[in-house]
Amino acid sequence: MNVFTKVIIPTEKPWQRDLLSGLMGEKGYDGFEEEQTAFNAYIRREAFDRSIIEAILSPLGLDFHTEEVPAVNWNEEWEKSFAPVEVGNFCSIRASFHETSKGATHDIIITPRMSFGTGHHATTYLMIRQMQGLSFDGSKVLDFGTGTGVLAILSEKLGASEILAIDNDLMSVENAIDNVRENGCVRIAVEKADQIEPGGQFDIILANISRNVLLEQMYNIAQHLMQDGVVLMSGLLSGDREIIEKKAGEAALGIIKKDERDGWIVLQLVHK
């Protein structure tokens, strides 16, 4: 039987919980849950590394303790607490068991399983809010690090003619395929990949990943962006802007817009 280490972090602050889900997700944590006074994260017992958690929590002044627990049905646990997400009157993200949103222009059904991207995390919310201001009509879109597929699905609803959604995690790919099917999308191709394949050119690139991956892939992103195209980047903390802007400049990309939520940012970039 699979056994997980449950890391219990006492905190009631929403911004700390958002931050922890992003930082710990990058370190292989497989599930999260929020209690009234604590944020809990799960990882397979053999992958648990105390020094990694201490490095994440120390700058935040947070403590933790651990328990060993058997594997659980994360999706069932998620369903107990998942509430629809509303990005203004632009987009609603909900589970299939919720009623259809009456106030949102675009209604998306998402079952996240173990994948990232329900709209609850600030970076997904920011990406969606920025997508509202872009023209997707007839565009060719890349969703780099698709997770649940929510941004690819929204791209089709906004009129994109062709969407390639890639992720390096097989479970995310399978989850995205299911969500694409659930939303009746027909112009989205979902593939397992950790970088953009040579040859593709895109009008819009959506990259909600992490700082390190964005730094590693900056030139690759720039090379696959059409001359008059737009990149939206997130998975970034406010303090990451300077290093991202420097690397983007080296790849002949410039930041033209920034948005922020709970200490996280999204950047809009174009060719210089």
C-alpha atoms as a PDB file:
ATOM      1  CA  MET A   1       0.000   0.000   0.000  1.00  0.00           C
ATOM      2  CA  ASN A   2       1.264   3.481  -0.860  1.00  0.00           C
ATOM      3  CA  VAL A   3       2.037   5.623   2.163  1.00  0.00           C
ATOM      4  CA  PHE A   4       2.207   9.411   2.105  1.00  0.00           C
ATOM      5  CA  THR A   5       3.834  11.923   4.385  1.00  0.00           C
ATOM      6  CA  LYS A   6       1.340  14.582   5.419  1.00  0.00           C
ATOM      7  CA  VAL A   7       2.994  17.919   6.178  1.00  0.00           C
ATOM      8  CA  ILE A   8       0.831  20.016   8.486  1.00  0.00           C
ATOM      9  CA  ILE A   9       1.585  23.753   8.464  1.00  0.00           C
ATOM     10  CA  PRO A  10      -0.315  25.984  10.902  1.00  0.00           C
ATOM     11  CA  THR A  11      -1.446  29.092   8.980  1.00  0.00           C
ATOM     12  CA  GLU A  12      -4.739  30.866   8.408  1.00  0.00           C
ATOM     13  CA  LYS A  13      -3.433  33.426   5.892  1.00  0.00           C
ATOM     14  CA  PRO A  14      -4.784  32.900   2.333  1.00  0.00           C
ATOM     15  CA  TRP A  15      -1.695  34.426   0.686  1.00  0.00           C
ATOM     16  CA  GLN A  16       0.588  32.003   2.549  1.00  0.00           C
ATOM     17  CA  ARG A  17      -1.563  29.052   1.496  1.00  0.00           C
ATOM     18  CA  ASP A  18      -1.470  30.162  -2.152  1.00  0.00           C
ATOM     19  CA  LEU A  19       2.280  30.619  -1.963  1.00  0.00           C
ATOM     20  CA  LEU A  20       2.822  27.229  -0.327  1.00  0.00           C
ATOM     21  CA  SER A  21       0.735  25.385  -2.923  1.00  0.00           C
ATOM     22  CA  GLY A  22       2.920  26.842  -5.677  1.00  0.00           C
ATOM     23  CA  LEU A  23       6.294  26.322  -3.985  1.00  0.00           C
ATOM     24  CA  MET A  24       5.521  22.835  -2.708  1.00  0.00           C
ATOM     25  CA  GLY A  25       3.897  21.802  -5.982  1.00  0.00           C
ATOM     26  CA  GLU A  26       7.243  22.472  -7.675  1.00  0.00           C
ATOM     27  CA  LYS A  27       8.859  20.049  -5.202  1.00  0.00           C
ATOM     28  CA  GLY A  28       6.627  17.087  -6.036  1.00  0.00           C
ATOM     29  CA  TYR A  29       3.805  17.398  -3.523  1.00  0.00           C
ATOM     30  CA  ASP A  30       0.801  15.463  -4.803  1.00  0.00           C
ATOM     31  CA  GLY A  31      -2.138  16.977  -2.965  1.00  0.00           C
ATOM     32  CA  PHE A  32      -3.208  19.847  -0.755  1.00  0.00           C
ATOM     33  CA  GLU A  33      -6.058  20.523   1.624  1.00  0.00           C
ATOM     34  CA  GLU A  34      -7.038  23.533   3.672  1.00  0.00           C
ATOM     35  CA  GLU A  35      -8.360  23.364   7.202  1.00  0.00           C
ATOM     36  CA  GLN A  36      -9.481  26.287   9.329  1.00  0.00           C
ATOM     37  CA  THR A  37      -6.126  26.700  11.053  1.00  0.00           C
ATOM     38  CA  ALA A  38      -3.725  24.688   8.893  1.00  0.00           C
ATOM     39  CA  PHE A  39      -2.545  24.006   5.357  1.00  0.00           C
ATOM     40  CA  ASN A  40      -1.764  20.345   4.635  1.00  0.00           C
ATOM     41  CA  ALA A  41       0.423  18.983   1.849  1.00  0.00           C
ATOM     42  CA  TYR A  42       1.016  15.378   0.803  1.00  0.00           C
ATOM     43  CA  ILE A  43       3.971  13.616  -0.799  1.00  0.00           C
ATOM     44  CA  ARG A  44       4.966   9.973  -1.143  1.00  0.00           C
ATOM     45  CA  ARG A  45       6.881   8.900   1.956  1.00  0.00           C
ATOM     46  CA  GLU A  46      10.020   7.965   0.025  1.00  0.00           C
ATOM     47  CA  ALA A  47      10.150  11.415  -1.612  1.00  0.00           C
ATOM     48  CA  PHE A  48       9.826  13.446   1.586  1.00  0.00           C
ATOM     49  CA  ASP A  49      12.844  15.642   2.348  1.00  0.00           C
ATOM     50  CA  ARG A  50      12.734  17.610   5.588  1.00  0.00           C
ATOM     51  CA  SER A  51      15.428  20.052   4.476  1.00  0.00           C
ATOM     52  CA  ILE A  52      13.330  21.141   1.464  1.00  0.00           C
ATOM     53  CA  ILE A  53      10.336  21.957   3.672  1.00  0.00           C
ATOM     54  CA  GLU A  54      12.499  23.818   6.151  1.00  0.00           C
ATOM     55  CA  ALA A  55      13.972  25.906   3.313  1.00  0.00           C
ATOM     56  CA  ILE A  56      10.471  26.834   2.083  1.00  0.00           C
ATOM     57  CA  LEU A  57       8.966  27.601   5.493  1.00  0.00           C
ATOM     58  CA  SER A  58      11.864  29.326   7.242  1.00  0.00           C
ATOM     59  CA  PRO A  59      11.616  32.633   5.292  1.00  0.00           C
ATOM     60  CA  LEU A  60       7.881  32.701   6.096  1.00  0.00           C
ATOM     61  CA  GLY A  61       8.407  32.067   9.806  1.00  0.00           C
ATOM     62  CA  LEU A  62       6.247  28.946   9.658  1.00  0.00           C
ATOM     63  CA  ASP A  63       6.597  25.649  11.506  1.00  0.00           C
ATOM     64  CA  PHE A  64       5.348  22.190  10.562  1.00  0.00           C
ATOM     65  CA  HIS A  65       4.907  18.658  11.766  1.00  0.00           C
ATOM     66  CA  THR A  66       4.309  15.442   9.844  1.00  0.00           C
ATOM     67  CA  GLU A  67       2.154  12.336   9.906  1.00  0.00           C
ATOM     68  CA  GLU A  68       2.243   9.190   7.796  1.00  0.00           C
ATOM     69  CA  VAL A  69      -1.077   8.407   6.110  1.00  0.00           C
ATOM     70  CA  PRO A  70      -2.302   5.821   3.572  1.00  0.00           C
ATOM     71  CA  ALA A  71      -3.063   6.948   0.014  1.00  0.00           C
ATOM     72  CA  VAL A  72      -6.469   8.586  -0.393  1.00  0.00           C
ATOM     73  CA  ASN A  73      -8.738   9.440  -3.287  1.00  0.00           C
ATOM     74  CA  TRP A  74      -7.585  13.018  -3.835  1.00  0.00           C
ATOM     75  CA  ASN A  75     -10.400  13.774  -6.254  1.00  0.00           C
ATOM     76  CA  GLU A  76     -12.982  12.688  -3.694  1.00  0.00           C
ATOM     77  CA  GLU A  77     -11.314  14.879  -1.076  1.00  0.00           C
ATOM     78  CA  TRP A  78     -11.219  17.793  -3.525  1.00  0.00           C
ATOM     79  CA  GLU A  79     -14.920  17.450  -4.292  1.00  0.00           C
ATOM     80  CA  LYS A  80     -15.767  17.935  -0.620  1.00  0.00           C
ATOM     81  CA  SER A  81     -14.380  21.464  -0.572  1.00  0.00           C
ATOM     82  CA  PHE A  82     -14.232  22.669  -4.196  1.00  0.00           C
ATOM     83  CA  ALA A  83     -16.250  25.817  -4.851  1.00  0.00           C
ATOM     84  CA  PRO A  84     -16.777  27.440  -8.264  1.00  0.00           C
ATOM     85  CA  VAL A  85     -14.324  30.188  -9.230  1.00  0.00           C
ATOM     86  CA  GLU A  86     -15.635  33.375 -10.805  1.00  0.00           C
ATOM     87  CA  VAL A  87     -13.252  35.668 -12.706  1.00  0.00           C
ATOM     88  CA  GLY A  88     -15.578  38.645 -12.787  1.00  0.00           C
ATOM     89  CA  ASN A  89     -18.407  38.044 -15.241  1.00  0.00           C
ATOM     90  CA  PHE A  90     -15.885  36.789 -17.787  1.00  0.00           C
ATOM     91  CA  CYS A  91     -15.296  33.161 -16.810  1.00  0.00           C
ATOM     92  CA  SER A  92     -16.639  30.612 -14.363  1.00  0.00           C
ATOM     93  CA  ILE A  93     -14.697  27.457 -13.470  1.00  0.00           C
ATOM     94  CA  ARG A  94     -16.723  24.766 -11.797  1.00  0.00           C
ATOM     95  CA  ALA A  95     -17.051  21.031 -11.274  1.00  0.00           C
ATOM     96  CA  SER A  96     -19.639  18.976 -13.136  1.00  0.00           C
ATOM     97  CA  PHE A  97     -21.730  18.626  -9.987  1.00  0.00           C
ATOM     98  CA  HIS A  98     -22.147  22.413  -9.676  1.00  0.00           C
ATOM     99  CA  GLU A  99     -24.973  24.283 -11.369  1.00  0.00           C
ATOM    100  CA  THR A 100     -24.172  26.149 -14.591  1.00  0.00           C
ATOM    101  CA  SER A 101     -23.078  29.718 -13.952  1.00  0.00           C
ATOM    102  CA  LYS A 102     -25.724  32.235 -15.007  1.00  0.00           C
ATOM    103  CA  GLY A 103     -23.531  35.339 -14.800  1.00  0.00           C
ATOM    104  CA  ALA A 104     -20.335  34.345 -16.619  1.00  0.00           C
ATOM    105  CA  THR A 105     -19.774  34.619 -20.356  1.00  0.00           C
ATOM    106  CA  HIS A 106     -17.653  31.458 -20.428  1.00  0.00           C
ATOM    107  CA  ASP A 107     -18.487  28.392 -18.343  1.00  0.00           C
ATOM    108  CA  ILE A 108     -15.741  25.772 -17.905  1.00  0.00           C
ATOM    109  CA  ILE A 109     -16.037  22.378 -16.222  1.00  0.00           C
ATOM    110  CA  ILE A 110     -12.827  21.145 -14.594  1.00  0.00           C
ATOM    111  CA  THR A 111     -12.006  17.997 -12.630  1.00  0.00           C
ATOM    112  CA  PRO A 112      -8.406  18.573 -11.512  1.00  0.00           C
ATOM    113  CA  ARG A 113      -7.423  15.180 -10.061  1.00  0.00           C
ATOM    114  CA  MET A 114      -3.754  15.771  -9.212  1.00  0.00           C
ATOM    115  CA  SER A 115      -3.219  18.519 -11.783  1.00  0.00           C
ATOM    116  CA  PHE A 116      -2.624  22.211 -11.322  1.00  0.00           C
ATOM    117  CA  GLY A 117      -5.011  24.861 -12.577  1.00  0.00           C
ATOM    118  CA  THR A 118      -8.514  25.174 -11.176  1.00  0.00           C
ATOM    119  CA  GLY A 119      -8.557  28.955 -10.989  1.00  0.00           C
ATOM    120  CA  HIS A 120      -8.255  28.867  -7.197  1.00  0.00           C
ATOM    121  CA  HIS A 121      -4.539  29.559  -7.374  1.00  0.00           C
ATOM    122  CA  ALA A 122      -3.694  33.207  -7.987  1.00  0.00           C
ATOM    123  CA  THR A 123      -1.588  32.510 -11.092  1.00  0.00           C
ATOM    124  CA  THR A 124      -4.379  30.702 -12.955  1.00  0.00           C
ATOM    125  CA  TYR A 125      -6.797  33.465 -11.983  1.00  0.00           C
ATOM    126  CA  LEU A 126      -4.340  36.106 -13.250  1.00  0.00           C
ATOM    127  CA  MET A 127      -3.799  34.293 -16.549  1.00  0.00           C
ATOM    128  CA  ILE A 128      -7.540  34.135 -17.161  1.00  0.00           C
ATOM    129  CA  ARG A 129      -7.989  37.793 -16.273  1.00  0.00           C
ATOM    130  CA  GLN A 130      -5.286  38.784 -18.780  1.00  0.00           C
ATOM    131  CA  MET A 131      -6.726  36.512 -21.475  1.00  0.00           C
ATOM    132  CA  GLN A 132      -9.880  38.611 -21.324  1.00  0.00           C
ATOM    133  CA  GLY A 133      -8.009  41.503 -22.910  1.00  0.00           C
ATOM    134  CA  LEU A 134      -6.507  39.551 -25.828  1.00  0.00           C
ATOM    135  CA  SER A 135      -8.018  38.721 -29.212  1.00  0.00           C
ATOM    136  CA  PHE A 136      -8.047  34.961 -29.777  1.00  0.00           C
ATOM    137  CA  ASP A 137     -10.155  34.946 -32.950  1.00  0.00           C
ATOM    138  CA  GLY A 138      -8.532  32.641 -35.496  1.00  0.00           C
ATOM    139  CA  SER A 139      -5.306  32.497 -33.496  1.00  0.00           C
ATOM    140  CA  LYS A 140      -2.874  29.629 -33.060  1.00  0.00           C
ATOM    141  CA  VAL A 141      -2.253  29.095 -29.335  1.00  0.00           C
ATOM    142  CA  LEU A 142       0.278  27.170 -27.253  1.00  0.00           C
ATOM    143  CA  ASP A 143      -0.615  26.303 -23.662  1.00  0.00           C
ATOM    144  CA  PHE A 144       2.815  25.468 -22.203  1.00  0.00           C
ATOM    145  CA  GLY A 145       2.367  23.483 -18.965  1.00  0.00           C
ATOM    146  CA  THR A 146      -1.353  22.919 -19.426  1.00  0.00           C
ATOM    147  CA  GLY A 147      -2.133  21.161 -16.126  1.00  0.00           C
ATOM    148  CA  THR A 148      -5.908  20.662 -16.101  1.00  0.00           C
ATOM    149  CA  GLY A 149      -6.208  22.197 -19.573  1.00  0.00           C
ATOM    150  CA  VAL A 150      -8.305  25.125 -18.331  1.00  0.00           C
ATOM    151  CA  LEU A 151      -6.413  27.797 -20.308  1.00  0.00           C
ATOM    152  CA  ALA A 152      -6.507  25.747 -23.509  1.00  0.00           C
ATOM    153  CA  ILE A 153     -10.247  25.221 -23.067  1.00  0.00           C
ATOM    154  CA  LEU A 154     -10.818  28.933 -22.517  1.00  0.00           C
ATOM    155  CA  SER A 155      -8.706  29.686 -25.612  1.00  0.00           C
ATOM    156  CA  GLU A 156     -11.062  27.638 -27.767  1.00  0.00           C
ATOM    157  CA  LYS A 157     -14.094  29.298 -26.224  1.00  0.00           C
ATOM    158  CA  LEU A 158     -12.504  32.662 -27.089  1.00  0.00           C
ATOM    159  CA  GLY A 159     -12.216  31.706 -30.757  1.00  0.00           C
ATOM    160  CA  ALA A 160      -8.745  30.241 -31.228  1.00  0.00           C
ATOM    161  CA  SER A 161      -8.568  28.127 -34.377  1.00  0.00           C
ATOM    162  CA  GLU A 162      -5.826  25.754 -33.194  1.00  0.00           C
ATOM    163  CA  ILE A 163      -4.509  25.045 -29.694  1.00  0.00           C
ATOM    164  CA  LEU A 164      -1.570  22.852 -28.678  1.00  0.00           C
ATOM    165  CA  ALA A 165      -1.559  22.016 -24.968  1.00  0.00           C
ATOM    166  CA  ILE A 166       1.600  20.380 -23.600  1.00  0.00           C
ATOM    167  CA  ASP A 167       2.718  19.146 -20.181  1.00  0.00           C
ATOM    168  CA  ASN A 168       5.604  16.984 -19.019  1.00  0.00           C
ATOM    169  CA  ASP A 169       3.428  15.100 -16.524  1.00  0.00           C
ATOM    170  CA  LEU A 170       1.461  12.136 -17.870  1.00  0.00           C
ATOM    171  CA  MET A 171      -1.277  12.456 -15.255  1.00  0.00           C
ATOM    172  CA  SER A 172      -1.800  16.099 -16.216  1.00  0.00           C
ATOM    173  CA  VAL A 173      -1.986  15.149 -19.889  1.00  0.00           C
ATOM    174  CA  GLU A 174      -4.615  12.499 -19.198  1.00  0.00           C
ATOM    175  CA  ASN A 175      -6.538  14.902 -16.965  1.00  0.00           C
ATOM    176  CA  ALA A 176      -6.431  17.667 -19.599  1.00  0.00           C
ATOM    177  CA  ILE A 177      -7.690  15.281 -22.287  1.00  0.00           C
ATOM    178  CA  ASP A 178     -10.670  14.355 -20.093  1.00  0.00           C
ATOM    179  CA  ASN A 179     -11.439  18.010 -19.354  1.00  0.00           C
ATOM    180  CA  VAL A 180     -11.162  18.960 -23.039  1.00  0.00           C
ATOM    181  CA  ARG A 181     -13.659  16.219 -23.869  1.00  0.00           C
ATOM    182  CA  GLU A 182     -15.974  17.242 -21.003  1.00  0.00           C
ATOM    183  CA  ASN A 183     -16.128  20.793 -22.368  1.00  0.00           C
ATOM    184  CA  GLY A 184     -16.872  19.662 -25.928  1.00  0.00           C
ATOM    185  CA  CYS A 185     -13.692  21.176 -27.377  1.00  0.00           C
ATOM    186  CA  VAL A 186     -12.549  20.021 -30.818  1.00  0.00           C
ATOM    187  CA  ARG A 187      -9.600  22.281 -31.672  1.00  0.00           C
ATOM    188  CA  ILE A 188      -7.240  21.299 -28.850  1.00  0.00           C
ATOM    189  CA  ALA A 189      -4.391  18.786 -29.193  1.00  0.00           C
ATOM    190  CA  VAL A 190      -2.960  17.627 -25.846  1.00  0.00           C
ATOM    191  CA  GLU A 191       0.552  16.158 -25.859  1.00  0.00           C
ATOM    192  CA  LYS A 192       3.157  15.029 -23.348  1.00  0.00           C
ATOM    193  CA  ALA A 193       6.257  17.205 -23.822  1.00  0.00           C
ATOM    194  CA  ASP A 194       8.669  19.230 -21.704  1.00  0.00           C
ATOM    195  CA  GLN A 195       9.533  21.792 -24.374  1.00  0.00           C
ATOM    196  CA  ILE A 196       8.201  23.276 -27.602  1.00  0.00           C
ATOM    197  CA  GLU A 197       8.987  21.152 -30.634  1.00  0.00           C
ATOM    198  CA  PRO A 198      10.904  22.836 -33.503  1.00  0.00           C
ATOM    199  CA  GLY A 199       8.868  24.420 -36.280  1.00  0.00           C
ATOM    200  CA  GLY A 200       5.748  25.540 -34.479  1.00  0.00           C
ATOM    201  CA  GLN A 201       4.822  29.217 -34.565  1.00  0.00           C
ATOM    202  CA  PHE A 202       2.103  30.664 -32.331  1.00  0.00           C
ATOM    203  CA  ASP A 203       0.120  33.891 -32.107  1.00  0.00           C
ATOM    204  CA  ILE A 204      -0.380  33.470 -28.359  1.00  0.00           C
ATOM    205  CA  ILE A 205       1.750  31.489 -25.904  1.00  0.00           C
ATOM    206  CA  LEU A 206       0.327  30.829 -22.428  1.00  0.00           C
ATOM    207  CA  ALA A 207       3.038  29.775 -19.966  1.00  0.00           C
ATOM    208  CA  ASN A 208       1.812  29.361 -16.398  1.00  0.00           C
ATOM    209  CA  ILE A 209       4.703  27.248 -15.134  1.00  0.00           C
ATOM    210  CA  SER A 210       7.465  28.311 -12.731  1.00  0.00           C
ATOM    211  CA  ARG A 211      10.298  30.802 -12.696  1.00  0.00           C
ATOM    212  CA  ASN A 212      13.020  28.241 -13.333  1.00  0.00           C
ATOM    213  CA  VAL A 213      11.257  26.644 -16.293  1.00  0.00           C
ATOM    214  CA  LEU A 214      10.485  30.050 -17.788  1.00  0.00           C
ATOM    215  CA  LEU A 215      14.140  31.070 -17.466  1.00  0.00           C
ATOM    216  CA  GLU A 216      15.280  27.820 -19.102  1.00  0.00           C
ATOM    217  CA  GLN A 217      12.735  28.068 -21.918  1.00  0.00           C
ATOM    218  CA  MET A 218      12.806  31.826 -22.603  1.00  0.00           C
ATOM    219  CA  TYR A 219      14.727  31.600 -25.905  1.00  0.00           C
ATOM    220  CA  ASN A 220      12.603  28.650 -27.003  1.00  0.00           C
ATOM    221  CA  ILE A 221       9.425  30.599 -26.273  1.00  0.00           C
ATOM    222  CA  ALA A 222      10.699  33.659 -28.154  1.00  0.00           C
ATOM    223  CA  GLN A 223      11.664  31.577 -31.200  1.00  0.00           C
ATOM    224  CA  HIS A 224       8.177  30.060 -31.444  1.00  0.00           C
ATOM    225  CA  LEU A 225       6.281  33.308 -31.024  1.00  0.00           C
ATOM    226  CA  MET A 226       5.042  35.011 -34.179  1.00  0.00           C
ATOM    227  CA  GLN A 227       6.509  38.456 -34.762  1.00  0.00           C
ATOM    228  CA  ASP A 228       3.312  40.213 -33.690  1.00  0.00           C
ATOM    229  CA  GLY A 229       2.426  37.565 -31.092  1.00  0.00           C
ATOM    230  CA  VAL A 230       1.855  37.792 -27.327  1.00  0.00           C
ATOM    231  CA  VAL A 231       3.146  35.735 -24.399  1.00  0.00           C
ATOM    232  CA  LEU A 232       1.450  35.524 -21.006  1.00  0.00           C
ATOM    233  CA  MET A 233       3.773  34.240 -18.271  1.00  0.00           C
ATOM    234  CA  SER A 234       2.885  33.384 -14.700  1.00  0.00           C
ATOM    235  CA  GLY A 235       3.836  30.991 -11.938  1.00  0.00           C
ATOM    236  CA  LEU A 236       5.906  33.953 -10.756  1.00  0.00           C
ATOM    237  CA  LEU A 237       6.203  35.809  -7.475  1.00  0.00           C
ATOM    238  CA  SER A 238       6.397  39.595  -7.435  1.00  0.00           C
ATOM    239  CA  GLY A 239      10.118  39.416  -6.689  1.00  0.00           C
ATOM    240  CA  ASP A 240      10.752  37.336  -9.827  1.00  0.00           C
ATOM    241  CA  ARG A 241      10.027  40.177 -12.233  1.00  0.00           C
ATOM    242  CA  GLU A 242      13.570  41.561 -12.396  1.00  0.00           C
ATOM    243  CA  ILE A 243      15.264  38.276 -13.328  1.00  0.00           C
ATOM    244  CA  ILE A 244      12.491  37.385 -15.796  1.00  0.00           C
ATOM    245  CA  GLU A 245      12.663  40.811 -17.415  1.00  0.00           C
ATOM    246  CA  LYS A 246      16.443  40.503 -17.822  1.00  0.00           C
ATOM    247  CA  LYS A 247      16.217  37.053 -19.401  1.00  0.00           C
ATOM    248  CA  ALA A 248      13.322  38.128 -21.623  1.00  0.00           C
ATOM    249  CA  GLY A 249      15.353  41.100 -22.830  1.00  0.00           C
ATOM    250  CA  GLU A 250      18.187  38.790 -23.827  1.00  0.00           C
ATOM    251  CA  ALA A 251      15.651  36.847 -25.912  1.00  0.00           C
ATOM    252  CA  ALA A 252      14.375  40.093 -27.496  1.00  0.00           C
ATOM    253  CA  LEU A 253      11.115  40.027 -25.565  1.00  0.00           C
ATOM    254  CA  GLY A 254       9.787  43.010 -23.656  1.00  0.00           C
ATOM    255  CA  ILE A 255       7.207  43.289 -20.874  1.00  0.00           C
ATOM    256  CA  ILE A 256       4.250  45.504 -21.796  1.00  0.00           C
ATOM    257  CA  LYS A 257       1.832  44.714 -18.972  1.00  0.00           C
ATOM    258  CA  LYS A 258       1.822  43.300 -15.436  1.00  0.00           C
ATOM    259  CA  ASP A 259      -0.963  42.191 -13.095  1.00  0.00           C
ATOM    260  CA  GLU A 260      -0.685  41.022  -9.477  1.00  0.00           C
ATOM    261  CA  ARG A 261      -2.716  39.022  -6.972  1.00  0.00           C
ATOM    262  CA  ASP A 262      -1.739  37.724  -3.514  1.00  0.00           C
ATOM    263  CA  GLY A 263       1.970  38.210  -4.153  1.00  0.00           C
ATOM    264  CA  TRP A 264       1.894  36.451  -7.542  1.00  0.00           C
ATOM    265  CA  ILE A 265       2.259  38.182 -10.920  1.00  0.00           C
ATOM    266  CA  VAL A 266       1.443  37.638 -14.577  1.00  0.00           C
ATOM    267  CA  LEU A 267       3.493  39.327 -17.291  1.00  0.00           C
ATOM    268  CA  GLN A 268       2.489  40.093 -20.875  1.00  0.00           C
ATOM    269  CA  LEU A 269       5.406  40.131 -23.323  1.00  0.00           C
ATOM    270  CA  VAL A 270       5.915  40.835 -27.021  1.00  0.00           C
ATOM    271  CA  HIS A 271       8.850  40.927 -29.414  1.00  0.00           C
ATOM    272  CA  LYS A 272      10.897  44.110 -29.088  1.00  0.00           C
END
